[in-house]
N, C-alpha and C. Protein backbone atom coordinates (compact mmCIF):
# COMPACT_ATOMS: atom_id res chain seq x y z
N MET A 1 -112.50 -58.29 -109.93
CA MET A 1 -114.18 -58.43 -110.39
C MET A 1 -114.67 -58.65 -109.17
N ARG A 2 -113.71 -59.38 -108.01
CA ARG A 2 -114.35 -60.30 -107.14
C ARG A 2 -114.83 -59.34 -106.31
N SER A 3 -114.18 -57.92 -106.30
CA SER A 3 -114.46 -56.90 -105.36
C SER A 3 -115.57 -56.40 -105.39
N MET A 4 -115.58 -56.03 -107.25
CA MET A 4 -117.14 -55.76 -107.83
C MET A 4 -118.44 -56.30 -107.21
N ALA A 5 -118.11 -57.87 -107.52
CA ALA A 5 -119.01 -58.78 -107.08
C ALA A 5 -119.59 -58.64 -105.82
N ARG A 6 -119.01 -58.44 -104.67
CA ARG A 6 -118.93 -57.94 -103.71
C ARG A 6 -119.99 -56.74 -102.87
N ALA A 7 -119.45 -56.25 -103.78
CA ALA A 7 -119.70 -54.53 -103.80
C ALA A 7 -121.40 -54.98 -104.32
N ARG A 8 -121.53 -55.57 -105.21
CA ARG A 8 -123.23 -55.41 -105.66
C ARG A 8 -123.95 -56.42 -104.98
N ASP A 9 -123.02 -57.66 -103.98
CA ASP A 9 -123.64 -58.24 -103.13
C ASP A 9 -124.31 -57.30 -101.96
N LEU A 10 -123.56 -56.36 -101.11
CA LEU A 10 -123.67 -55.78 -100.19
C LEU A 10 -125.08 -54.94 -100.30
N SER A 11 -124.98 -54.41 -102.03
CA SER A 11 -125.91 -52.81 -102.38
C SER A 11 -126.98 -53.68 -102.24
N GLU A 12 -127.49 -55.85 -102.56
CA GLU A 12 -128.54 -55.89 -102.02
C GLU A 12 -129.09 -56.18 -101.03
N GLN A 13 -128.21 -55.72 -99.90
CA GLN A 13 -128.32 -56.16 -98.43
C GLN A 13 -128.70 -54.86 -98.14
N TRP A 14 -128.53 -53.98 -98.61
CA TRP A 14 -129.13 -52.34 -97.64
C TRP A 14 -130.43 -52.45 -97.21
N LYS A 15 -131.29 -53.26 -97.98
CA LYS A 15 -132.55 -53.55 -97.96
C LYS A 15 -132.84 -53.90 -96.91
N ASP A 16 -131.87 -54.34 -96.23
CA ASP A 16 -132.04 -55.38 -94.84
C ASP A 16 -131.88 -54.08 -93.71
N THR A 17 -131.39 -52.72 -93.94
CA THR A 17 -130.71 -52.01 -93.19
C THR A 17 -131.95 -51.12 -92.74
N GLY A 18 -132.96 -51.50 -93.19
CA GLY A 18 -133.95 -49.95 -92.21
C GLY A 18 -134.46 -49.11 -93.41
N ALA A 19 -133.25 -49.35 -94.61
CA ALA A 19 -133.44 -47.71 -95.51
C ALA A 19 -134.42 -48.68 -96.81
N ALA A 20 -134.93 -49.63 -97.17
CA ALA A 20 -135.56 -50.05 -97.80
C ALA A 20 -136.63 -49.21 -98.69
N GLY A 21 -137.23 -48.14 -98.15
CA GLY A 21 -138.17 -47.50 -98.35
C GLY A 21 -137.41 -46.39 -98.93
N HIS A 22 -136.40 -45.94 -98.47
CA HIS A 22 -135.75 -44.89 -98.90
C HIS A 22 -135.42 -44.94 -100.63
N ARG A 23 -135.33 -43.42 -100.87
CA ARG A 23 -135.55 -43.50 -102.81
C ARG A 23 -133.79 -43.39 -103.25
N LEU A 24 -133.52 -43.19 -101.94
CA LEU A 24 -131.91 -43.37 -102.59
C LEU A 24 -130.70 -44.37 -102.36
N MET A 25 -131.91 -45.58 -101.85
CA MET A 25 -131.08 -46.61 -101.79
C MET A 25 -132.00 -47.53 -102.93
N LYS A 26 -130.91 -47.54 -103.82
CA LYS A 26 -131.02 -48.43 -105.14
C LYS A 26 -130.15 -49.30 -105.22
N LYS A 27 -130.32 -50.41 -106.31
CA LYS A 27 -129.23 -51.27 -106.19
C LYS A 27 -127.92 -51.20 -107.28
N MET A 28 -126.81 -51.06 -106.33
CA MET A 28 -125.47 -50.26 -106.88
C MET A 28 -125.02 -50.61 -108.30
N ARG A 29 -124.54 -49.76 -109.46
CA ARG A 29 -124.67 -49.64 -110.91
C ARG A 29 -123.20 -49.30 -110.59
N ILE A 30 -122.35 -50.14 -111.86
CA ILE A 30 -120.47 -49.87 -111.35
C ILE A 30 -120.55 -49.45 -113.07
N ALA A 31 -119.83 -48.20 -113.19
CA ALA A 31 -119.20 -47.75 -114.44
C ALA A 31 -117.89 -47.54 -114.56
N VAL A 32 -117.27 -47.94 -115.46
CA VAL A 32 -115.40 -47.96 -115.66
C VAL A 32 -115.76 -46.39 -116.87
N VAL A 33 -115.04 -45.96 -117.09
CA VAL A 33 -114.87 -44.39 -117.26
C VAL A 33 -113.11 -44.84 -117.67
N LEU A 34 -113.10 -45.21 -119.21
CA LEU A 34 -111.38 -45.55 -119.35
C LEU A 34 -110.66 -44.04 -120.10
N VAL A 35 -109.91 -43.00 -119.42
CA VAL A 35 -109.37 -41.84 -120.36
C VAL A 35 -108.20 -42.45 -121.08
N ASP A 36 -108.14 -42.95 -121.89
CA ASP A 36 -107.27 -43.30 -122.59
C ASP A 36 -105.82 -42.64 -123.12
N ALA A 37 -105.18 -41.89 -122.73
CA ALA A 37 -104.12 -41.07 -123.25
C ALA A 37 -103.02 -41.52 -123.75
N ALA A 38 -102.45 -40.51 -124.55
CA ALA A 38 -100.61 -41.27 -125.38
C ALA A 38 -99.85 -41.32 -124.31
N LEU A 39 -99.02 -42.23 -124.49
CA LEU A 39 -98.09 -42.84 -123.71
C LEU A 39 -96.73 -41.20 -123.75
N ASP A 40 -96.86 -40.50 -124.83
CA ASP A 40 -96.24 -40.04 -125.13
C ASP A 40 -96.90 -38.20 -124.00
N VAL A 41 -98.38 -38.47 -124.26
CA VAL A 41 -98.72 -37.38 -123.00
C VAL A 41 -98.74 -37.56 -121.82
N CYS A 42 -98.52 -38.60 -121.29
CA CYS A 42 -98.94 -39.42 -120.20
C CYS A 42 -97.21 -38.96 -119.36
N LEU A 43 -95.91 -39.37 -120.24
CA LEU A 43 -94.78 -38.92 -119.76
C LEU A 43 -94.69 -37.39 -120.22
N ASP A 44 -94.99 -36.88 -120.87
CA ASP A 44 -94.85 -35.33 -120.60
C ASP A 44 -95.38 -34.53 -119.59
N ARG A 45 -96.80 -34.96 -119.50
CA ARG A 45 -97.76 -34.78 -117.75
C ARG A 45 -96.65 -34.88 -116.41
N VAL A 46 -96.05 -36.43 -116.70
CA VAL A 46 -95.62 -36.34 -115.99
C VAL A 46 -94.17 -36.04 -115.37
N ALA A 47 -93.24 -35.41 -116.64
CA ALA A 47 -92.32 -34.40 -116.14
C ALA A 47 -92.70 -32.90 -115.82
N GLN A 48 -93.97 -32.46 -116.12
CA GLN A 48 -94.25 -31.29 -115.92
C GLN A 48 -94.62 -31.03 -114.16
N ARG A 49 -95.49 -32.05 -114.35
CA ARG A 49 -95.55 -32.14 -112.84
C ARG A 49 -94.06 -32.34 -112.13
N ALA A 50 -93.49 -33.40 -111.94
CA ALA A 50 -91.82 -33.09 -111.31
C ALA A 50 -91.44 -32.10 -111.41
N ALA A 51 -91.45 -30.96 -112.45
CA ALA A 51 -90.69 -29.56 -112.55
C ALA A 51 -91.36 -28.94 -111.49
N ARG A 52 -92.70 -29.06 -111.25
CA ARG A 52 -93.38 -28.22 -111.04
C ARG A 52 -93.62 -28.73 -109.05
N THR A 53 -93.39 -30.07 -109.01
CA THR A 53 -93.77 -29.97 -107.58
C THR A 53 -92.58 -30.70 -106.71
N GLY A 54 -91.67 -31.18 -107.78
CA GLY A 54 -90.03 -31.90 -107.21
C GLY A 54 -90.69 -33.48 -107.16
N ARG A 55 -91.72 -33.99 -107.32
CA ARG A 55 -91.89 -34.83 -106.83
C ARG A 55 -91.81 -36.00 -108.59
N PRO A 56 -90.84 -36.46 -108.62
CA PRO A 56 -91.03 -37.31 -109.98
C PRO A 56 -91.73 -38.73 -109.99
N VAL A 57 -91.97 -39.63 -111.13
CA VAL A 57 -92.70 -40.82 -111.30
C VAL A 57 -91.70 -41.73 -112.45
N GLN A 58 -91.30 -42.94 -111.93
CA GLN A 58 -90.34 -43.54 -112.50
C GLN A 58 -91.26 -43.71 -114.22
N GLU A 59 -90.59 -43.69 -115.43
CA GLU A 59 -90.67 -43.72 -116.43
C GLU A 59 -91.06 -45.15 -116.77
N ASP A 60 -90.43 -46.38 -116.19
CA ASP A 60 -91.18 -47.31 -116.12
C ASP A 60 -92.56 -47.73 -115.69
N PHE A 61 -92.67 -46.39 -114.55
CA PHE A 61 -94.01 -47.20 -113.58
C PHE A 61 -95.20 -46.55 -114.74
N VAL A 62 -95.18 -45.01 -115.42
CA VAL A 62 -95.73 -44.27 -115.99
C VAL A 62 -96.03 -45.78 -117.55
N ARG A 63 -94.69 -46.18 -117.71
CA ARG A 63 -95.32 -47.32 -119.51
C ARG A 63 -96.12 -48.28 -118.44
N ARG A 64 -95.96 -48.97 -117.52
CA ARG A 64 -96.65 -50.05 -117.32
C ARG A 64 -97.88 -49.66 -116.98
N CYS A 65 -98.42 -48.40 -116.16
CA CYS A 65 -99.66 -48.55 -115.78
C CYS A 65 -100.09 -47.75 -117.09
N ASN A 66 -99.99 -46.78 -118.22
CA ASN A 66 -100.56 -46.99 -119.16
C ASN A 66 -101.54 -47.96 -120.12
N GLU A 67 -100.00 -49.19 -119.68
CA GLU A 67 -100.81 -50.32 -120.54
C GLU A 67 -101.64 -51.12 -120.04
N GLY A 68 -101.40 -51.05 -118.28
CA GLY A 68 -102.07 -51.89 -117.48
C GLY A 68 -103.25 -51.62 -117.24
N CYS A 69 -103.46 -50.33 -117.65
CA CYS A 69 -105.10 -49.42 -117.46
C CYS A 69 -106.11 -49.92 -118.46
N VAL A 70 -105.35 -49.56 -119.73
CA VAL A 70 -106.40 -50.25 -121.09
C VAL A 70 -106.69 -52.07 -120.37
N LYS A 71 -105.75 -52.33 -120.52
CA LYS A 71 -106.09 -54.06 -120.08
C LYS A 71 -106.89 -54.67 -119.27
N THR A 72 -106.69 -53.89 -118.03
CA THR A 72 -107.48 -53.74 -116.95
C THR A 72 -109.13 -54.03 -117.50
N ALA A 73 -109.66 -52.40 -118.04
CA ALA A 73 -110.68 -52.18 -118.30
C ALA A 73 -111.24 -52.90 -119.41
N TYR A 74 -110.47 -53.29 -120.22
CA TYR A 74 -111.45 -53.97 -121.03
C TYR A 74 -111.92 -55.66 -120.14
N ALA A 75 -110.82 -56.10 -119.29
CA ALA A 75 -111.53 -56.98 -118.82
C ALA A 75 -112.20 -57.27 -117.75
N VAL A 76 -112.00 -56.32 -117.47
CA VAL A 76 -114.02 -55.88 -116.66
C VAL A 76 -115.24 -55.52 -117.41
N LYS A 77 -114.52 -55.56 -118.93
CA LYS A 77 -115.90 -54.91 -119.49
C LYS A 77 -117.21 -55.51 -119.14
N ASP A 78 -116.82 -56.21 -119.27
CA ASP A 78 -118.44 -57.25 -119.79
C ASP A 78 -119.10 -57.47 -118.10
N SER A 79 -118.28 -57.01 -117.16
CA SER A 79 -118.72 -57.18 -115.67
C SER A 79 -119.65 -55.96 -115.22
N VAL A 80 -119.58 -54.60 -116.01
CA VAL A 80 -120.04 -53.60 -115.21
C VAL A 80 -121.48 -53.25 -116.26
N ASP A 81 -121.76 -52.22 -115.81
CA ASP A 81 -123.00 -51.58 -116.02
C ASP A 81 -122.82 -50.72 -116.91
N LEU A 82 -121.66 -49.83 -117.25
CA LEU A 82 -121.53 -49.16 -118.36
C LEU A 82 -120.32 -48.58 -118.43
N PHE A 83 -119.53 -49.37 -119.97
CA PHE A 83 -118.04 -48.65 -119.74
C PHE A 83 -118.31 -47.83 -121.07
N VAL A 84 -117.12 -46.81 -120.59
CA VAL A 84 -117.03 -45.73 -121.52
C VAL A 84 -115.52 -45.71 -122.11
N HIS A 85 -115.09 -45.88 -122.94
CA HIS A 85 -113.53 -45.34 -123.36
C HIS A 85 -113.40 -44.14 -124.35
N ILE A 86 -112.56 -43.77 -123.52
CA ILE A 86 -112.55 -41.92 -124.25
C ILE A 86 -110.99 -41.77 -124.69
């Protein structure tokens, strides 16, 4: 969340770069789109990709990421401009 706050602060300084009048220089907005896939779907996709590319991913890593992504997304939910959970 510190990085998001820093990015917002930096976007506020864009007006000081001489581009204040440019129509594209607007305050930065932050969105989180959480695509919540079931763990078994993730593990299946990882196995398919490993068979196709020869690059395996450890099952423990997939499990931790699957759980951690949801927790992290909901932890920052109230700090972003848009939150979408699919």
